[in-house]
């Protein structure tokens, strides 16, 4: 049923969206497992497992071949040992792979390289164990905030430490502020405003299309006219649980084939030199562009009303979520 709906949505979008002559490829990744939710949810095993099950039930029939990145420290200490393996196995049962996203989503700009690598190690034990139980290996790593170090010394120490631990870095080419839409969506959920939730979801899909309008030709400049395989960054949250199928349909309509992260990173573009060292987390397209000495062209920002609602509290999100 869901696959038929996605195909129908994709077919309708094809009528209004340009499709590249070449085959487009995208690897989908989800950050912040087990789920982006409030702290109470992270301490309620039944609720957390239901959130996880609902998400994987949504994504299973879409065959995205995704990798999901885990913050093991997000779950309360009292329930981590029993709940986290169950939650992660639900993702693996759906055919997805797992990676390390540090234990506590550590900010490298506020910590030493040694503290950062210690948090990487603390984020691995359960994820590694559930993978090894299936004959798989923990080797993917995603930098929190896409921060890779704001000084050459810190950047190089982290890169060396991750390499020594056998990690493959999961870069991102398509970054899109989905976390901001997701925060506003959770606030609308909290006040049970279904109409506002739908409006946020529609704005999110429109924003994702606008991001592709920029990133598709922009990425081709790196490779002399060929769009490389993309890596899409999303997050495991209630917004994507409800609206990712429409994002999936959008990509199908624009001619994308969903591939594994391994296949995407086999594209020669991922061997491009990267000399970006600043206190900011940005797309690898921007890093490569700056390395080449060309000006960065930034992705579109979310609508002003989303930004305004993002800055408001749950109780006044309805008042803030108005057009400027």
Protein backbone atom coordinates (compact mmCIF):
# COMPACT_ATOMS: atom_id res chain seq x y z
CA UNK A 1 0.00 0.00 0.00
CA UNK A 2 2.69 2.50 1.01
CA UNK A 3 4.88 1.61 -1.98
CA UNK A 4 1.92 2.18 -4.31
CA UNK A 5 1.25 5.55 -2.68
CA UNK A 6 4.90 6.58 -3.12
CA UNK A 7 4.89 5.56 -6.78
CA UNK A 8 1.70 7.52 -7.33
CA UNK A 9 3.13 10.61 -5.68
CA UNK A 10 6.31 10.28 -7.71
CA UNK A 11 4.37 9.97 -10.95
CA UNK A 12 2.40 13.12 -10.21
CA UNK A 13 5.54 15.07 -9.32
CA UNK A 14 7.28 14.02 -12.53
CA UNK A 15 4.81 16.14 -14.47
CA UNK A 16 6.07 19.31 -12.80
CA UNK A 17 9.72 18.63 -11.88
CA UNK A 18 12.77 18.40 -14.17
CA UNK A 19 14.42 14.98 -14.30
CA UNK A 20 18.12 14.77 -15.09
CA UNK A 21 19.18 13.06 -18.30
CA UNK A 22 21.77 11.12 -16.31
CA UNK A 23 20.90 8.71 -13.56
CA UNK A 24 20.88 10.38 -10.18
CA UNK A 25 21.83 8.48 -7.04
CA UNK A 26 21.31 9.25 -3.36
CA UNK A 27 22.23 7.52 -0.12
CA UNK A 28 19.82 8.34 2.70
CA UNK A 29 21.12 8.64 6.26
CA UNK A 30 19.31 9.26 9.55
CA UNK A 31 21.03 10.82 12.54
CA UNK A 32 20.29 10.91 16.29
CA UNK A 33 19.07 7.39 16.97
CA UNK A 34 17.28 5.96 18.76
CA UNK A 35 14.94 8.95 18.20
CA UNK A 36 14.71 12.72 18.44
CA UNK A 37 12.25 13.15 21.29
CA UNK A 38 12.03 14.71 24.74
CA UNK A 39 13.96 13.27 27.68
CA UNK A 40 10.91 11.50 29.10
CA UNK A 41 10.62 9.40 25.96
CA UNK A 42 14.26 8.35 26.32
CA UNK A 43 13.40 6.99 29.78
CA UNK A 44 10.20 5.15 28.77
CA UNK A 45 11.13 1.85 27.11
CA UNK A 46 7.67 1.05 25.78
CA UNK A 47 7.19 4.51 24.27
CA UNK A 48 10.67 4.58 22.75
CA UNK A 49 10.25 1.15 21.19
CA UNK A 50 6.88 2.17 19.76
CA UNK A 51 8.41 5.31 18.21
CA UNK A 52 11.18 3.19 16.72
CA UNK A 53 8.79 0.53 15.42
CA UNK A 54 6.56 3.14 13.79
CA UNK A 55 9.56 4.70 12.07
CA UNK A 56 10.99 1.46 10.70
CA UNK A 57 7.51 0.30 9.63
CA UNK A 58 7.31 3.49 7.57
CA UNK A 59 10.72 3.10 5.95
CA UNK A 60 10.87 -0.67 5.47
CA UNK A 61 8.80 -0.88 2.25
CA UNK A 62 10.63 2.04 0.63
CA UNK A 63 13.95 0.17 0.22
CA UNK A 64 16.10 3.20 0.99
CA UNK A 65 19.15 1.12 2.01
CA UNK A 66 19.80 3.73 4.70
CA UNK A 67 22.43 4.02 7.41
CA UNK A 68 21.26 5.30 10.81
CA UNK A 69 23.66 6.92 13.27
CA UNK A 70 23.35 6.24 16.99
CA UNK A 71 23.85 8.38 20.11
CA UNK A 72 23.98 5.61 22.71
CA UNK A 73 23.99 8.06 25.61
CA UNK A 74 20.57 9.49 24.74
CA UNK A 75 18.76 6.67 26.56
CA UNK A 76 18.50 6.87 30.35
CA UNK A 77 21.13 4.84 32.16
CA UNK A 78 18.48 2.78 33.96
CA UNK A 79 16.94 1.45 30.74
CA UNK A 80 19.85 1.60 28.27
CA UNK A 81 21.12 -1.96 28.69
CA UNK A 82 17.74 -3.52 27.97
CA UNK A 83 16.08 -1.01 25.63
CA UNK A 84 18.84 0.16 23.30
CA UNK A 85 19.65 -3.29 21.85
CA UNK A 86 15.94 -3.85 21.19
CA UNK A 87 15.59 -0.49 19.45
CA UNK A 88 18.69 -0.97 17.32
CA UNK A 89 17.65 -4.46 16.31
CA UNK A 90 14.38 -3.05 15.01
CA UNK A 91 16.42 -0.92 12.60
CA UNK A 92 18.56 -3.88 11.58
CA UNK A 93 15.46 -6.04 11.10
CA UNK A 94 14.27 -3.44 8.59
CA UNK A 95 17.43 -3.96 6.52
CA UNK A 96 19.22 -0.78 7.57
CA UNK A 97 22.82 -0.35 8.70
CA UNK A 98 24.05 1.46 11.82
CA UNK A 99 26.88 3.87 12.57
CA UNK A 100 28.39 5.75 15.50
CA UNK A 101 27.32 9.36 16.13
CA UNK A 102 29.14 9.62 19.52
CA UNK A 103 27.51 8.83 22.85
CA UNK A 104 26.10 12.26 23.64
CA UNK A 105 26.20 14.25 20.38
CA UNK A 106 29.32 16.00 21.66
CA UNK A 107 30.28 19.45 20.38
CA UNK A 108 33.94 19.39 19.41
CA UNK A 109 34.17 23.19 19.62
CA UNK A 110 33.58 22.97 23.37
CA UNK A 111 35.84 19.99 24.04
CA UNK A 112 39.33 18.69 23.45
CA UNK A 113 40.12 16.16 20.77
CA UNK A 114 40.81 13.63 23.53
CA UNK A 115 37.37 14.18 25.10
CA UNK A 116 35.74 13.92 21.68
CA UNK A 117 37.40 10.59 20.90
CA UNK A 118 36.49 9.28 24.35
CA UNK A 119 32.86 10.10 23.55
CA UNK A 120 33.23 8.28 20.24
CA UNK A 121 34.38 5.20 22.15
CA UNK A 122 31.52 5.54 24.65
CA UNK A 123 29.08 5.61 21.74
CA UNK A 124 30.15 2.27 20.30
CA UNK A 125 29.64 -0.73 22.65
CA UNK A 126 25.96 -1.57 22.14
CA UNK A 127 25.90 -0.68 18.46
CA UNK A 128 28.99 -2.78 17.84
CA UNK A 129 27.53 -5.70 19.79
CA UNK A 130 24.22 -5.81 17.90
CA UNK A 131 26.02 -5.58 14.58
CA UNK A 132 28.54 -8.28 15.45
CA UNK A 133 25.73 -10.57 16.57
CA UNK A 134 24.60 -10.50 12.92
CA UNK A 135 28.06 -10.89 11.44
CA UNK A 136 28.32 -7.19 10.62
CA UNK A 137 30.91 -4.59 11.61
CA UNK A 138 30.63 -1.11 13.10
CA UNK A 139 32.64 1.12 10.78
CA UNK A 140 30.51 4.17 9.89
CA UNK A 141 30.96 7.43 11.78
CA UNK A 142 29.05 10.70 11.43
CA UNK A 143 30.31 13.90 13.06
CA UNK A 144 27.70 15.57 15.32
CA UNK A 145 26.62 18.93 13.85
CA UNK A 146 28.95 18.03 10.94
CA UNK A 147 31.67 19.71 13.02
CA UNK A 148 35.08 18.27 12.14
CA UNK A 149 37.29 20.57 14.25
CA UNK A 150 37.76 24.34 14.25
CA UNK A 151 41.58 24.30 14.34
CA UNK A 152 44.01 22.31 12.18
CA UNK A 153 45.42 20.62 15.28
CA UNK A 154 42.04 19.49 16.57
CA UNK A 155 40.81 18.53 13.10
CA UNK A 156 43.88 16.41 12.41
CA UNK A 157 43.88 14.74 15.84
CA UNK A 158 40.24 13.71 15.46
CA UNK A 159 40.74 12.47 11.91
CA UNK A 160 43.73 10.40 12.98
CA UNK A 161 41.90 9.00 16.01
CA UNK A 162 38.90 7.96 13.95
CA UNK A 163 41.13 6.32 11.34
CA UNK A 164 42.99 4.40 14.05
CA UNK A 165 39.63 3.09 15.29
CA UNK A 166 38.75 1.84 11.82
CA UNK A 167 35.93 4.28 11.11
CA UNK A 168 34.80 5.45 7.69
CA UNK A 169 33.49 9.02 7.82
CA UNK A 170 29.99 9.47 6.44
CA UNK A 171 30.03 12.86 4.68
CA UNK A 172 26.93 14.81 3.75
CA UNK A 173 26.29 16.61 0.48
CA UNK A 174 22.59 17.48 0.94
CA UNK A 175 22.05 19.30 4.23
CA UNK A 176 18.66 20.88 4.65
CA UNK A 177 17.70 22.14 8.14
CA UNK A 178 15.18 19.33 8.62
CA UNK A 179 15.93 19.56 12.37
CA UNK A 180 14.35 23.02 12.48
CA UNK A 181 11.14 21.84 10.81
CA UNK A 182 11.15 18.83 13.15
CA UNK A 183 11.38 21.01 16.25
CA UNK A 184 8.40 23.10 15.14
CA UNK A 185 6.53 19.91 14.22
CA UNK A 186 7.07 18.50 17.73
CA UNK A 187 5.76 21.74 19.22
CA UNK A 188 2.63 21.48 17.07
CA UNK A 189 2.26 17.86 18.23
CA UNK A 190 2.49 19.01 21.83
CA UNK A 191 -0.49 21.34 21.38
CA UNK A 192 -2.30 18.74 19.22
CA UNK A 193 -2.68 21.09 16.25
CA UNK A 194 -3.14 18.69 13.32
CA UNK A 195 -3.70 21.50 10.82
CA UNK A 196 -0.44 23.18 11.79
CA UNK A 197 1.41 19.84 11.64
CA UNK A 198 0.15 19.36 8.08
CA UNK A 199 1.17 22.88 7.12
CA UNK A 200 4.65 22.32 8.54
CA UNK A 201 4.95 19.03 6.63
CA UNK A 202 3.97 20.65 3.34
CA UNK A 203 6.44 23.48 3.92
CA UNK A 204 9.12 20.88 4.66
CA UNK A 205 8.59 19.04 1.38
CA UNK A 206 8.61 22.33 -0.55
CA UNK A 207 11.84 23.33 1.18
CA UNK A 208 13.47 20.02 0.30
CA UNK A 209 12.61 20.60 -3.36
CA UNK A 210 14.12 24.09 -3.18
CA UNK A 211 17.31 22.64 -1.67
CA UNK A 212 17.62 20.23 -4.59
CA UNK A 213 17.10 23.08 -7.05
CA UNK A 214 20.30 24.59 -5.65
CA UNK A 215 22.38 21.53 -4.84
CA UNK A 216 21.91 19.60 -8.08
CA UNK A 217 23.57 22.14 -10.42
CA UNK A 218 25.94 23.22 -7.65
CA UNK A 219 27.22 19.66 -7.20
CA UNK A 220 27.79 19.32 -10.94
CA UNK A 221 30.25 22.23 -10.82
CA UNK A 222 32.55 20.09 -8.67
CA UNK A 223 32.73 17.33 -11.27
CA UNK A 224 32.70 19.31 -14.50
CA UNK A 225 29.04 18.83 -15.31
CA UNK A 226 28.19 15.43 -13.86
CA UNK A 227 26.02 15.30 -10.75
CA UNK A 228 27.78 13.02 -8.25
CA UNK A 229 26.08 10.50 -6.00
CA UNK A 230 24.56 12.47 -3.12
CA UNK A 231 24.41 11.73 0.61
CA UNK A 232 21.25 13.07 2.24
CA UNK A 233 21.19 13.98 5.94
CA UNK A 234 17.90 13.50 7.78
CA UNK A 235 17.02 12.75 11.41
CA UNK A 236 14.95 10.08 13.12
CA UNK A 237 11.99 12.09 14.38
CA UNK A 238 8.23 12.38 14.18
CA UNK A 239 8.37 14.80 11.24
CA UNK A 240 10.20 12.31 9.06
CA UNK A 241 8.10 9.43 10.38
CA UNK A 242 5.07 11.23 8.92
CA UNK A 243 6.59 13.02 5.92
CA UNK A 244 9.61 11.06 4.72
CA UNK A 245 7.44 9.11 2.22
CA UNK A 246 6.77 12.42 0.43
CA UNK A 247 10.49 13.21 0.45
CA UNK A 248 11.13 9.76 -1.00
CA UNK A 249 8.58 10.44 -3.73
CA UNK A 250 10.21 13.80 -4.47
CA UNK A 251 13.56 12.13 -5.07
CA UNK A 252 12.00 9.44 -7.26
CA UNK A 253 10.31 12.13 -9.31
CA UNK A 254 13.62 13.86 -9.90
CA UNK A 255 15.18 10.68 -11.25
CA UNK A 256 17.10 9.42 -8.22
CA UNK A 257 17.95 5.82 -7.49
CA UNK A 258 18.39 4.98 -3.81
CA UNK A 259 21.78 3.39 -3.18
CA UNK A 260 23.81 2.22 -0.22
CA UNK A 261 26.25 4.56 1.44
CA UNK A 262 29.07 2.33 0.18
CA UNK A 263 27.94 2.78 -3.41
CA UNK A 264 27.56 6.53 -3.02
CA UNK A 265 31.03 6.94 -1.53
CA UNK A 266 32.54 4.94 -4.41
CA UNK A 267 31.86 8.01 -6.56
CA UNK A 268 35.25 9.63 -7.32
CA UNK A 269 34.06 12.99 -5.96
CA UNK A 270 34.48 11.68 -2.41
CA UNK A 271 38.23 11.57 -2.96
CA UNK A 272 38.23 15.35 -3.46
CA UNK A 273 40.65 17.32 -1.28
CA UNK A 274 39.02 18.97 1.74
CA UNK A 275 40.94 21.76 3.49
CA UNK A 276 37.93 23.23 5.30
CA UNK A 277 38.76 23.93 8.95
CA UNK A 278 36.34 26.31 10.67
CA UNK A 279 33.86 26.42 13.54
CA UNK A 280 30.92 25.44 11.37
CA UNK A 281 29.28 22.28 10.10
CA UNK A 282 28.50 22.40 6.40
CA UNK A 283 27.91 20.23 3.35
CA UNK A 284 30.92 18.57 1.80
CA UNK A 285 29.93 20.33 -1.43
CA UNK A 286 30.71 23.61 0.32
CA UNK A 287 33.97 22.20 1.71
CA UNK A 288 35.14 21.08 -1.73
CA UNK A 289 34.05 24.36 -3.31
CA UNK A 290 36.04 26.40 -0.80
CA UNK A 291 39.03 24.08 -1.21
CA UNK A 292 38.96 24.90 -4.92
CA UNK A 293 39.00 28.61 -4.08
CA UNK A 294 35.51 29.31 -5.38
CA UNK A 295 32.74 31.08 -3.42
CA UNK A 296 30.23 28.93 -1.56
CA UNK A 297 26.61 29.17 -2.69
CA UNK A 298 24.52 28.47 0.37
CA UNK A 299 21.40 26.33 0.42
CA UNK A 300 17.98 27.96 0.88
CA UNK A 301 16.89 28.80 4.40
CA UNK A 302 13.57 27.60 5.88
CA UNK A 303 10.63 30.01 5.60
CA UNK A 304 10.62 32.92 8.03
CA UNK A 305 7.49 31.60 9.75
CA UNK A 306 9.26 28.29 10.47
CA UNK A 307 12.23 30.14 11.96
CA UNK A 308 9.89 32.27 14.06
CA UNK A 309 8.01 29.23 15.32
CA UNK A 310 11.31 27.45 16.01
CA UNK A 311 12.29 30.25 18.38
CA UNK A 312 8.97 30.04 20.26
CA UNK A 313 7.93 27.70 23.06
CA UNK A 314 5.41 24.89 22.59
CA UNK A 315 2.60 26.90 24.16
CA UNK A 316 2.93 29.79 21.69
CA UNK A 317 3.94 27.95 18.54
CA UNK A 318 0.47 28.48 17.05
CA UNK A 319 0.78 32.23 17.54
CA UNK A 320 4.32 32.32 16.10
CA UNK A 321 3.61 30.10 13.12
CA UNK A 322 2.26 32.86 10.92
CA UNK A 323 3.49 34.22 7.65
CA UNK A 324 5.62 37.39 7.92
